[in-house]
Amino acid sequence: MSDDKRSEKEVEAHRAATRAGYRKLMDQIADDEDVIVESQDDNNPLLQYLQNNEELYAKVDAPQEAVMDAVVVKHLSRLCKKQAEQMSTNINEFKAEEFATRLKLKMNNENINLNKKRWIAFGNMVKPLFRKSPALTYMYGALDSSPPEPKEKKPRETKSRLADKQSQLKETQAKVVTETEKSVNQTDQIVTHVLSCLVDRWRENDKQAVNYFKFVINPKCFGTSVENMFHASFLIKEGRAGIVTCPETQVPLIYPATKRQMQEAGKLGTKNQVVVSFSMADWAKLVRSHDIRDTMITPP
């Protein structure tokens, strides 16, 4: 029993010595913190403290001493980070005094004697090579200290004025709806006119499908050609006209659909929509390739 008590006392004494070593090391680190951070040479005490901490860690056998070791490592890591932040990215730092001394020695070694006038000329020559702080400039007078003009308060609107505004809004809305309906009716009229032109050209072609490009393209106006393609697309969408591809030339052909064809298309319910990219260069190329000299869609 006495041997066990003695061994427990030895272990406790060993742990106490380890804790005392950690306390002493933390005090030394706190006293030399500025020296550790500012030192940039090989004699930095940071490495010595790391080695001392490593020796103490070899004696750690309990959680309490391990916690103290973690605290020391945390402080050393913080100091190492500060030291790294103060390191210069340049290997050689430029110093004006050292540069002037080396320049003077080199010029003396080469037996170059400069008098005061030549020194001034030499300084003016190398002056643009060195950056200088910007010159101090002044404003053209003091800032205006007068208070800003007070904002005009808008009079509160009465219920009668609000009612007048609401009535105006309703009238404007009705006007917009009327103009929209007028535009839709005008589009329907143009689409109907395009259909009548298609029927005429179809009959002139012995009731055969007409070349789509020759029908919609106006050789004198690119914008009108785009409008014709837009109106013709309505005929295709509504089933009032159809498009097929010529098996020989692979050119699209357009033809007016009969009532029977429209009814069959409605029963089948199959419609294909295609997006076509059409630029002015494409328009000019189609006019030349199909030898289009006149438009088939006359102005309404």
C-alpha atoms as a PDB file:
ATOM      1  CA  MET A   1       0.000   0.000   0.000  1.00  0.00           C
ATOM      2  CA  SER A   2       2.835   2.382   0.858  1.00  0.00           C
ATOM      3  CA  ASP A   3       4.446   1.691  -2.563  1.00  0.00           C
ATOM      4  CA  ASP A   4       1.180   2.551  -4.348  1.00  0.00           C
ATOM      5  CA  LYS A   5       0.863   5.795  -2.386  1.00  0.00           C
ATOM      6  CA  ARG A   6       4.453   6.622  -3.173  1.00  0.00           C
ATOM      7  CA  SER A   7       3.946   5.974  -6.888  1.00  0.00           C
ATOM      8  CA  GLU A   8       0.811   8.155  -6.879  1.00  0.00           C
ATOM      9  CA  LYS A   9       2.802  10.936  -5.253  1.00  0.00           C
ATOM     10  CA  GLU A  10       5.510  10.597  -7.892  1.00  0.00           C
ATOM     11  CA  VAL A  11       2.973  10.747 -10.707  1.00  0.00           C
ATOM     12  CA  GLU A  12       1.331  13.812  -9.160  1.00  0.00           C
ATOM     13  CA  ALA A  13       4.727  15.466  -8.733  1.00  0.00           C
ATOM     14  CA  HIS A  14       5.568  14.682 -12.357  1.00  0.00           C
ATOM     15  CA  ARG A  15       2.274  16.208 -13.546  1.00  0.00           C
ATOM     16  CA  ALA A  16       2.789  19.275 -11.352  1.00  0.00           C
ATOM     17  CA  ALA A  17       6.256  19.783 -12.831  1.00  0.00           C
ATOM     18  CA  THR A  18       4.809  19.497 -16.345  1.00  0.00           C
ATOM     19  CA  ARG A  19       2.093  22.058 -15.554  1.00  0.00           C
ATOM     20  CA  ALA A  20       4.682  24.397 -14.061  1.00  0.00           C
ATOM     21  CA  GLY A  21       6.759  24.062 -17.234  1.00  0.00           C
ATOM     22  CA  TYR A  22       3.767  25.009 -19.371  1.00  0.00           C
ATOM     23  CA  ARG A  23       2.983  28.026 -17.169  1.00  0.00           C
ATOM     24  CA  LYS A  24       6.577  29.210 -17.396  1.00  0.00           C
ATOM     25  CA  LEU A  25       6.563  28.742 -21.178  1.00  0.00           C
ATOM     26  CA  MET A  26       3.313  30.726 -21.547  1.00  0.00           C
ATOM     27  CA  ASP A  27       4.737  33.565 -19.449  1.00  0.00           C
ATOM     28  CA  GLN A  28       7.882  33.681 -21.602  1.00  0.00           C
ATOM     29  CA  ILE A  29       5.827  33.744 -24.795  1.00  0.00           C
ATOM     30  CA  ALA A  30       3.697  36.598 -23.446  1.00  0.00           C
ATOM     31  CA  ASP A  31       6.818  38.619 -22.489  1.00  0.00           C
ATOM     32  CA  ASP A  32       8.551  38.071 -25.865  1.00  0.00           C
ATOM     33  CA  GLU A  33       5.467  38.488 -28.079  1.00  0.00           C
ATOM     34  CA  ASP A  34       6.658  41.743 -29.690  1.00  0.00           C
ATOM     35  CA  VAL A  35      10.130  40.310 -30.297  1.00  0.00           C
ATOM     36  CA  ILE A  36       8.697  37.188 -31.918  1.00  0.00           C
ATOM     37  CA  VAL A  37       6.421  39.135 -34.255  1.00  0.00           C
ATOM     38  CA  GLU A  38       8.975  41.747 -35.338  1.00  0.00           C
ATOM     39  CA  SER A  39      11.933  39.402 -35.742  1.00  0.00           C
ATOM     40  CA  GLN A  40      12.618  38.410 -39.363  1.00  0.00           C
ATOM     41  CA  ASP A  41      16.080  36.794 -39.043  1.00  0.00           C
ATOM     42  CA  ASP A  42      17.255  33.302 -38.206  1.00  0.00           C
ATOM     43  CA  ASN A  43      17.503  34.109 -34.460  1.00  0.00           C
ATOM     44  CA  ASN A  44      13.765  34.247 -34.017  1.00  0.00           C
ATOM     45  CA  PRO A  45      12.807  32.732 -30.610  1.00  0.00           C
ATOM     46  CA  LEU A  46       9.625  31.243 -32.098  1.00  0.00           C
ATOM     47  CA  LEU A  47      11.455  28.091 -33.167  1.00  0.00           C
ATOM     48  CA  GLN A  48      12.973  27.671 -29.685  1.00  0.00           C
ATOM     49  CA  TYR A  49       9.561  27.949 -28.056  1.00  0.00           C
ATOM     50  CA  LEU A  50       8.194  25.330 -30.432  1.00  0.00           C
ATOM     51  CA  GLN A  51      11.016  22.965 -29.456  1.00  0.00           C
ATOM     52  CA  ASN A  52      10.421  23.599 -25.727  1.00  0.00           C
ATOM     53  CA  ASN A  53       6.741  22.867 -26.185  1.00  0.00           C
ATOM     54  CA  GLU A  54       7.593  19.641 -28.012  1.00  0.00           C
ATOM     55  CA  GLU A  55       9.763  18.512 -25.075  1.00  0.00           C
ATOM     56  CA  LEU A  56       6.969  19.242 -22.588  1.00  0.00           C
ATOM     57  CA  TYR A  57       4.402  17.430 -24.715  1.00  0.00           C
ATOM     58  CA  ALA A  58       6.468  14.236 -24.414  1.00  0.00           C
ATOM     59  CA  LYS A  59       5.755  14.316 -20.650  1.00  0.00           C
ATOM     60  CA  VAL A  60       1.960  14.799 -20.999  1.00  0.00           C
ATOM     61  CA  ASP A  61      -0.036  11.875 -19.590  1.00  0.00           C
ATOM     62  CA  ALA A  62      -3.319  13.506 -18.485  1.00  0.00           C
ATOM     63  CA  PRO A  63      -6.056  15.641 -20.074  1.00  0.00           C
ATOM     64  CA  GLN A  64      -5.281  18.720 -17.948  1.00  0.00           C
ATOM     65  CA  GLU A  65      -1.734  18.975 -19.286  1.00  0.00           C
ATOM     66  CA  ALA A  66      -2.970  18.246 -22.817  1.00  0.00           C
ATOM     67  CA  VAL A  67      -5.323  21.246 -22.568  1.00  0.00           C
ATOM     68  CA  MET A  68      -2.401  23.459 -21.502  1.00  0.00           C
ATOM     69  CA  ASP A  69      -0.394  22.157 -24.475  1.00  0.00           C
ATOM     70  CA  ALA A  70      -3.255  23.092 -26.821  1.00  0.00           C
ATOM     71  CA  VAL A  71      -3.331  26.630 -25.376  1.00  0.00           C
ATOM     72  CA  VAL A  72       0.416  27.061 -25.954  1.00  0.00           C
ATOM     73  CA  VAL A  73       0.154  25.789 -29.520  1.00  0.00           C
ATOM     74  CA  LYS A  74      -2.754  28.191 -30.157  1.00  0.00           C
ATOM     75  CA  HIS A  75      -0.681  31.195 -28.977  1.00  0.00           C
ATOM     76  CA  LEU A  76       2.337  30.117 -31.018  1.00  0.00           C
ATOM     77  CA  SER A  77       0.136  29.702 -34.127  1.00  0.00           C
ATOM     78  CA  ARG A  78      -1.288  33.194 -33.632  1.00  0.00           C
ATOM     79  CA  LEU A  79       2.216  34.704 -33.370  1.00  0.00           C
ATOM     80  CA  CYS A  80       3.358  32.748 -36.414  1.00  0.00           C
ATOM     81  CA  LYS A  81       0.412  34.157 -38.404  1.00  0.00           C
ATOM     82  CA  LYS A  82       1.263  37.715 -37.333  1.00  0.00           C
ATOM     83  CA  GLN A  83       4.870  37.217 -38.306  1.00  0.00           C
ATOM     84  CA  ALA A  84       3.868  35.880 -41.724  1.00  0.00           C
ATOM     85  CA  GLU A  85       1.603  38.875 -42.326  1.00  0.00           C
ATOM     86  CA  GLN A  86       4.506  41.264 -41.720  1.00  0.00           C
ATOM     87  CA  MET A  87       6.862  39.496 -44.109  1.00  0.00           C
ATOM     88  CA  SER A  88       7.730  41.423 -47.261  1.00  0.00           C
ATOM     89  CA  THR A  89       7.128  39.818 -50.638  1.00  0.00           C
ATOM     90  CA  ASN A  90      10.301  41.389 -51.977  1.00  0.00           C
ATOM     91  CA  ILE A  91      13.580  39.596 -51.315  1.00  0.00           C
ATOM     92  CA  ASN A  92      15.591  42.832 -51.456  1.00  0.00           C
ATOM     93  CA  GLU A  93      13.988  45.980 -50.089  1.00  0.00           C
ATOM     94  CA  PHE A  94      14.867  49.219 -51.867  1.00  0.00           C
ATOM     95  CA  LYS A  95      16.392  51.906 -49.642  1.00  0.00           C
ATOM     96  CA  ALA A  96      17.250  55.329 -51.007  1.00  0.00           C
ATOM     97  CA  GLU A  97      20.271  55.811 -48.728  1.00  0.00           C
ATOM     98  CA  GLU A  98      21.786  52.463 -49.694  1.00  0.00           C
ATOM     99  CA  PHE A  99      21.181  53.174 -53.391  1.00  0.00           C
ATOM    100  CA  ALA A 100      22.878  56.592 -53.134  1.00  0.00           C
ATOM    101  CA  THR A 101      25.876  55.105 -51.297  1.00  0.00           C
ATOM    102  CA  ARG A 102      26.371  52.354 -53.869  1.00  0.00           C
ATOM    103  CA  LEU A 103      25.994  54.821 -56.740  1.00  0.00           C
ATOM    104  CA  LYS A 104      28.576  57.117 -55.192  1.00  0.00           C
ATOM    105  CA  LEU A 105      31.045  54.260 -54.648  1.00  0.00           C
ATOM    106  CA  LYS A 106      30.619  53.008 -58.198  1.00  0.00           C
ATOM    107  CA  MET A 107      31.166  56.464 -59.657  1.00  0.00           C
ATOM    108  CA  ASN A 108      34.282  56.988 -57.507  1.00  0.00           C
ATOM    109  CA  ASN A 109      35.663  53.605 -58.555  1.00  0.00           C
ATOM    110  CA  GLU A 110      35.296  54.570 -62.202  1.00  0.00           C
ATOM    111  CA  ASN A 111      36.961  57.957 -61.580  1.00  0.00           C
ATOM    112  CA  ILE A 112      33.938  59.963 -62.620  1.00  0.00           C
ATOM    113  CA  ASN A 113      34.101  63.407 -61.064  1.00  0.00           C
ATOM    114  CA  LEU A 114      30.904  65.432 -61.107  1.00  0.00           C
ATOM    115  CA  ASN A 115      30.675  69.002 -60.035  1.00  0.00           C
ATOM    116  CA  LYS A 116      27.577  70.655 -58.617  1.00  0.00           C
ATOM    117  CA  LYS A 117      26.182  71.595 -62.041  1.00  0.00           C
ATOM    118  CA  ARG A 118      26.600  68.068 -63.397  1.00  0.00           C
ATOM    119  CA  TRP A 119      25.045  66.569 -60.276  1.00  0.00           C
ATOM    120  CA  ILE A 120      21.961  68.746 -60.828  1.00  0.00           C
ATOM    121  CA  ALA A 121      21.795  67.733 -64.507  1.00  0.00           C
ATOM    122  CA  PHE A 122      22.150  64.086 -63.529  1.00  0.00           C
ATOM    123  CA  GLY A 123      19.351  64.424 -60.948  1.00  0.00           C
ATOM    124  CA  ASN A 124      17.020  66.026 -63.497  1.00  0.00           C
ATOM    125  CA  MET A 125      17.757  63.180 -65.916  1.00  0.00           C
ATOM    126  CA  VAL A 126      16.886  60.355 -63.488  1.00  0.00           C
ATOM    127  CA  LYS A 127      14.065  62.263 -61.806  1.00  0.00           C
ATOM    128  CA  PRO A 128      11.252  60.729 -63.983  1.00  0.00           C
ATOM    129  CA  LEU A 129      12.413  57.216 -63.025  1.00  0.00           C
ATOM    130  CA  PHE A 130      11.328  57.560 -59.399  1.00  0.00           C
ATOM    131  CA  ARG A 131       7.765  57.809 -58.190  1.00  0.00           C
ATOM    132  CA  LYS A 132       6.857  60.778 -56.065  1.00  0.00           C
ATOM    133  CA  SER A 133       3.846  61.626 -53.964  1.00  0.00           C
ATOM    134  CA  PRO A 134       1.179  63.667 -55.795  1.00  0.00           C
ATOM    135  CA  ALA A 135       1.176  67.421 -55.412  1.00  0.00           C
ATOM    136  CA  LEU A 136      -1.258  69.045 -53.001  1.00  0.00           C
ATOM    137  CA  THR A 137      -4.056  70.888 -54.787  1.00  0.00           C
ATOM    138  CA  TYR A 138      -6.776  73.180 -53.484  1.00  0.00           C
ATOM    139  CA  MET A 139     -10.394  73.733 -54.381  1.00  0.00           C
ATOM    140  CA  TYR A 140     -11.489  76.966 -56.028  1.00  0.00           C
ATOM    141  CA  GLY A 141     -13.176  78.334 -52.955  1.00  0.00           C
ATOM    142  CA  ALA A 142     -15.006  77.059 -49.887  1.00  0.00           C
ATOM    143  CA  LEU A 143     -17.946  74.700 -49.861  1.00  0.00           C
ATOM    144  CA  ASP A 144     -21.392  76.218 -49.931  1.00  0.00           C
ATOM    145  CA  SER A 145     -22.731  76.308 -46.381  1.00  0.00           C
ATOM    146  CA  SER A 146     -26.144  77.758 -47.159  1.00  0.00           C
ATOM    147  CA  PRO A 147     -29.071  75.453 -46.352  1.00  0.00           C
ATOM    148  CA  PRO A 148     -30.881  73.814 -49.273  1.00  0.00           C
ATOM    149  CA  GLU A 149     -34.151  75.205 -50.508  1.00  0.00           C
ATOM    150  CA  PRO A 150     -37.169  73.759 -48.727  1.00  0.00           C
ATOM    151  CA  LYS A 151     -39.200  71.276 -50.683  1.00  0.00           C
ATOM    152  CA  GLU A 152     -42.630  72.354 -51.813  1.00  0.00           C
ATOM    153  CA  LYS A 153     -45.399  70.426 -50.130  1.00  0.00           C
ATOM    154  CA  LYS A 154     -47.900  69.023 -52.547  1.00  0.00           C
ATOM    155  CA  PRO A 155     -51.502  69.848 -51.683  1.00  0.00           C
ATOM    156  CA  ARG A 156     -53.555  66.917 -50.507  1.00  0.00           C
ATOM    157  CA  GLU A 157     -55.978  65.711 -53.102  1.00  0.00           C
ATOM    158  CA  THR A 158     -59.624  65.775 -52.231  1.00  0.00           C
ATOM    159  CA  LYS A 159     -62.110  63.045 -52.995  1.00  0.00           C
ATOM    160  CA  SER A 160     -63.503  64.978 -55.944  1.00  0.00           C
ATOM    161  CA  ARG A 161     -60.059  65.150 -57.586  1.00  0.00           C
ATOM    162  CA  LEU A 162     -59.517  61.448 -56.985  1.00  0.00           C
ATOM    163  CA  ALA A 163     -62.852  60.696 -58.578  1.00  0.00           C
ATOM    164  CA  ASP A 164     -61.923  62.788 -61.623  1.00  0.00           C
ATOM    165  CA  LYS A 165     -58.651  60.857 -61.942  1.00  0.00           C
ATOM    166  CA  GLN A 166     -60.447  57.518 -61.756  1.00  0.00           C
ATOM    167  CA  SER A 167     -62.853  58.577 -64.447  1.00  0.00           C
ATOM    168  CA  GLN A 168     -59.924  59.642 -66.646  1.00  0.00           C
ATOM    169  CA  LEU A 169     -58.281  56.265 -66.093  1.00  0.00           C
ATOM    170  CA  LYS A 170     -61.414  54.464 -67.159  1.00  0.00           C
ATOM    171  CA  GLU A 171     -61.702  56.579 -70.291  1.00  0.00           C
ATOM    172  CA  THR A 172     -58.050  55.947 -71.185  1.00  0.00           C
ATOM    173  CA  GLN A 173     -58.473  52.202 -70.655  1.00  0.00           C
ATOM    174  CA  ALA A 174     -61.522  52.143 -72.897  1.00  0.00           C
ATOM    175  CA  LYS A 175     -59.589  54.037 -75.548  1.00  0.00           C
ATOM    176  CA  VAL A 176     -56.699  51.558 -75.406  1.00  0.00           C
ATOM    177  CA  VAL A 177     -59.076  48.599 -75.785  1.00  0.00           C
ATOM    178  CA  THR A 178     -60.719  50.270 -78.778  1.00  0.00           C
ATOM    179  CA  GLU A 179     -57.363  50.858 -80.476  1.00  0.00           C
ATOM    180  CA  THR A 180     -56.353  47.225 -79.848  1.00  0.00           C
ATOM    181  CA  GLU A 181     -59.587  45.907 -81.345  1.00  0.00           C
ATOM    182  CA  LYS A 182     -59.076  48.191 -84.317  1.00  0.00           C
ATOM    183  CA  SER A 183     -55.550  46.817 -84.826  1.00  0.00           C
ATOM    184  CA  VAL A 184     -56.811  43.214 -84.637  1.00  0.00           C
ATOM    185  CA  ASN A 185     -59.540  43.938 -87.193  1.00  0.00           C
ATOM    186  CA  GLN A 186     -57.000  45.549 -89.492  1.00  0.00           C
ATOM    187  CA  THR A 187     -54.745  42.476 -89.235  1.00  0.00           C
ATOM    188  CA  ASP A 188     -57.682  40.210 -90.121  1.00  0.00           C
ATOM    189  CA  GLN A 189     -58.402  42.344 -93.169  1.00  0.00           C
ATOM    190  CA  ILE A 190     -54.778  42.121 -94.352  1.00  0.00           C
ATOM    191  CA  VAL A 191     -54.704  38.338 -93.795  1.00  0.00           C
ATOM    192  CA  THR A 192     -57.897  37.993 -95.839  1.00  0.00           C
ATOM    193  CA  HIS A 193     -56.349  40.106 -98.597  1.00  0.00           C
ATOM    194  CA  VAL A 194     -53.236  37.876 -98.594  1.00  0.00           C
ATOM    195  CA  LEU A 195     -55.489  34.828 -98.919  1.00  0.00           C
ATOM    196  CA  SER A 196     -57.271  36.350-101.915  1.00  0.00           C
ATOM    197  CA  CYS A 197     -53.888  37.070-103.548  1.00  0.00           C
ATOM    198  CA  LEU A 198     -52.861  33.461-102.913  1.00  0.00           C
ATOM    199  CA  VAL A 199     -56.067  32.162-104.518  1.00  0.00           C
ATOM    200  CA  ASP A 200     -55.482  34.347-107.575  1.00  0.00           C
ATOM    201  CA  ARG A 201     -51.870  33.159-107.994  1.00  0.00           C
ATOM    202  CA  TRP A 202     -52.981  29.539-107.413  1.00  0.00           C
ATOM    203  CA  ARG A 203     -55.546  29.804-110.207  1.00  0.00           C
ATOM    204  CA  GLU A 204     -53.012  31.468-112.512  1.00  0.00           C
ATOM    205  CA  ASN A 205     -50.685  28.511-111.860  1.00  0.00           C
ATOM    206  CA  ASP A 206     -53.313  25.992-113.046  1.00  0.00           C
ATOM    207  CA  LYS A 207     -54.397  25.321-109.473  1.00  0.00           C
ATOM    208  CA  GLN A 208     -50.949  24.177-108.514  1.00  0.00           C
ATOM    209  CA  ALA A 209     -49.065  25.166-105.351  1.00  0.00           C
ATOM    210  CA  VAL A 210     -47.086  28.406-105.666  1.00  0.00           C
ATOM    211  CA  ASN A 211     -43.428  28.940-104.755  1.00  0.00           C
ATOM    212  CA  TYR A 212     -43.553  30.227-101.160  1.00  0.00           C
ATOM    213  CA  PHE A 213     -40.591  32.602-101.502  1.00  0.00           C
ATOM    214  CA  LYS A 214     -41.871  34.103-104.748  1.00  0.00           C
ATOM    215  CA  PHE A 215     -45.234  34.638-103.102  1.00  0.00           C
ATOM    216  CA  VAL A 216     -44.172  36.392 -99.872  1.00  0.00           C
ATOM    217  CA  ILE A 217     -40.936  38.168-100.858  1.00  0.00           C
ATOM    218  CA  ASN A 218     -41.074  41.727-102.133  1.00  0.00           C
ATOM    219  CA  PRO A 219     -37.857  42.317-104.135  1.00  0.00           C
ATOM    220  CA  LYS A 220     -37.974  46.054-103.455  1.00  0.00           C
ATOM    221  CA  CYS A 221     -38.558  46.052 -99.670  1.00  0.00           C
ATOM    222  CA  PHE A 222     -37.197  43.773 -96.954  1.00  0.00           C
ATOM    223  CA  GLY A 223     -39.706  45.035 -94.334  1.00  0.00           C
ATOM    224  CA  THR A 224     -42.682  44.319 -96.550  1.00  0.00           C
ATOM    225  CA  SER A 225     -41.357  40.791 -97.135  1.00  0.00           C
ATOM    226  CA  VAL A 226     -41.231  40.190 -93.392  1.00  0.00           C
ATOM    227  CA  GLU A 227     -44.809  41.464 -93.020  1.00  0.00           C
ATOM    228  CA  ASN A 228     -45.976  39.161 -95.826  1.00  0.00           C
ATOM    229  CA  MET A 229     -44.370  36.163 -94.107  1.00  0.00           C
ATOM    230  CA  PHE A 230     -46.070  37.194 -90.854  1.00  0.00           C
ATOM    231  CA  HIS A 231     -49.510  37.426 -92.462  1.00  0.00           C
ATOM    232  CA  ALA A 232     -49.014  34.182 -94.377  1.00  0.00           C
ATOM    233  CA  SER A 233     -48.229  32.412 -91.097  1.00  0.00           C
ATOM    234  CA  PHE A 234     -51.748  33.293 -89.906  1.00  0.00           C
ATOM    235  CA  LEU A 235     -53.191  31.490 -92.913  1.00  0.00           C
ATOM    236  CA  ILE A 236     -51.153  28.389 -92.109  1.00  0.00           C
ATOM    237  CA  LYS A 237     -52.095  28.533 -88.424  1.00  0.00           C
ATOM    238  CA  GLU A 238     -55.821  28.855 -89.142  1.00  0.00           C
ATOM    239  CA  GLY A 239     -55.713  26.041 -91.721  1.00  0.00           C
ATOM    240  CA  ARG A 240     -56.755  28.338 -94.555  1.00  0.00           C
ATOM    241  CA  ALA A 241     -53.535  27.547 -96.429  1.00  0.00           C
ATOM    242  CA  GLY A 242     -51.015  24.737 -96.474  1.00  0.00           C
ATOM    243  CA  ILE A 243     -47.321  24.281 -97.223  1.00  0.00           C
ATOM    244  CA  VAL A 244     -45.643  21.333 -98.891  1.00  0.00           C
ATOM    245  CA  THR A 245     -42.090  20.729-100.066  1.00  0.00           C
ATOM    246  CA  CYS A 246     -41.288  20.169-103.708  1.00  0.00           C
ATOM    247  CA  PRO A 247     -39.749  16.665-104.004  1.00  0.00           C
ATOM    248  CA  GLU A 248     -37.413  17.786-106.794  1.00  0.00           C
ATOM    249  CA  THR A 249     -36.145  21.210-105.687  1.00  0.00           C
ATOM    250  CA  GLN A 250     -36.897  20.932-101.936  1.00  0.00           C
ATOM    251  CA  VAL A 251     -38.477  24.423-102.153  1.00  0.00           C
ATOM    252  CA  PRO A 252     -41.541  25.134 -99.963  1.00  0.00           C
ATOM    253  CA  LEU A 253     -44.810  25.539-101.889  1.00  0.00           C
ATOM    254  CA  ILE A 254     -47.926  27.273-100.551  1.00  0.00           C
ATOM    255  CA  TYR A 255     -51.504  26.672-101.641  1.00  0.00           C
ATOM    256  CA  PRO A 256     -54.994  27.715-100.452  1.00  0.00           C
ATOM    257  CA  ALA A 257     -56.812  25.008 -98.517  1.00  0.00           C
ATOM    258  CA  THR A 258     -60.353  23.986 -99.400  1.00  0.00           C
ATOM    259  CA  LYS A 259     -63.137  23.653 -96.852  1.00  0.00           C
ATOM    260  CA  ARG A 260     -62.801  19.887 -96.938  1.00  0.00           C
ATOM    261  CA  GLN A 261     -59.082  20.088 -96.282  1.00  0.00           C
ATOM    262  CA  MET A 262     -59.693  22.530 -93.428  1.00  0.00           C
ATOM    263  CA  GLN A 263     -62.261  20.161 -91.889  1.00  0.00           C
ATOM    264  CA  GLU A 264     -59.916  17.163 -92.186  1.00  0.00           C
ATOM    265  CA  ALA A 265     -57.061  19.157 -90.626  1.00  0.00           C
ATOM    266  CA  GLY A 266     -59.355  20.160 -87.776  1.00  0.00           C
ATOM    267  CA  LYS A 267     -60.352  16.522 -87.132  1.00  0.00           C
ATOM    268  CA  LEU A 268     -56.743  15.358 -87.118  1.00  0.00           C
ATOM    269  CA  GLY A 269     -55.659  18.217 -84.908  1.00  0.00           C
ATOM    270  CA  THR A 270     -52.018  18.017 -86.099  1.00  0.00           C
ATOM    271  CA  LYS A 271     -50.228  21.324 -86.493  1.00  0.00           C
ATOM    272  CA  ASN A 272     -46.494  21.870 -86.912  1.00  0.00           C
ATOM    273  CA  GLN A 273     -44.957  25.229 -86.038  1.00  0.00           C
ATOM    274  CA  VAL A 274     -41.529  26.243 -87.348  1.00  0.00           C
ATOM    275  CA  VAL A 275     -39.334  29.205 -86.397  1.00  0.00           C
ATOM    276  CA  VAL A 276     -37.374  30.610 -89.351  1.00  0.00           C
ATOM    277  CA  SER A 277     -34.380  32.957 -89.120  1.00  0.00           C
ATOM    278  CA  PHE A 278     -34.691  35.548 -91.884  1.00  0.00           C
ATOM    279  CA  SER A 279     -32.148  38.347 -92.288  1.00  0.00           C
ATOM    280  CA  MET A 280     -31.585  40.974 -94.954  1.00  0.00           C
ATOM    281  CA  ALA A 281     -28.738  38.887 -96.381  1.00  0.00           C
ATOM    282  CA  ASP A 282     -31.120  35.912 -96.699  1.00  0.00           C
ATOM    283  CA  TRP A 283     -33.679  38.165 -98.382  1.00  0.00           C
ATOM    284  CA  ALA A 284     -31.166  39.408-100.974  1.00  0.00           C
ATOM    285  CA  LYS A 285     -29.914  35.861-101.621  1.00  0.00           C
ATOM    286  CA  LEU A 286     -33.452  34.539-102.188  1.00  0.00           C
ATOM    287  CA  VAL A 287     -34.277  37.420-104.542  1.00  0.00           C
ATOM    288  CA  ARG A 288     -31.243  36.533-106.692  1.00  0.00           C
ATOM    289  CA  SER A 289     -31.596  32.735-106.552  1.00  0.00           C
ATOM    290  CA  HIS A 290     -35.337  32.691-107.430  1.00  0.00           C
ATOM    291  CA  ASP A 291     -35.098  35.639-109.853  1.00  0.00           C
ATOM    292  CA  ILE A 292     -37.920  37.510-108.102  1.00  0.00           C
ATOM    293  CA  ARG A 293     -38.713  40.706-109.989  1.00  0.00           C
ATOM    294  CA  ASP A 294     -42.156  41.614-108.674  1.00  0.00           C
ATOM    295  CA  THR A 295     -44.291  40.880-105.650  1.00  0.00           C
ATOM    296  CA  MET A 296     -47.292  38.567-105.849  1.00  0.00           C
ATOM    297  CA  ILE A 297     -49.055  40.248-102.905  1.00  0.00           C
ATOM    298  CA  THR A 298     -50.435  43.550-104.087  1.00  0.00           C
ATOM    299  CA  PRO A 299     -50.922  46.361-101.561  1.00  0.00           C
ATOM    300  CA  PRO A 300     -54.413  46.214 -99.990  1.00  0.00           C
END
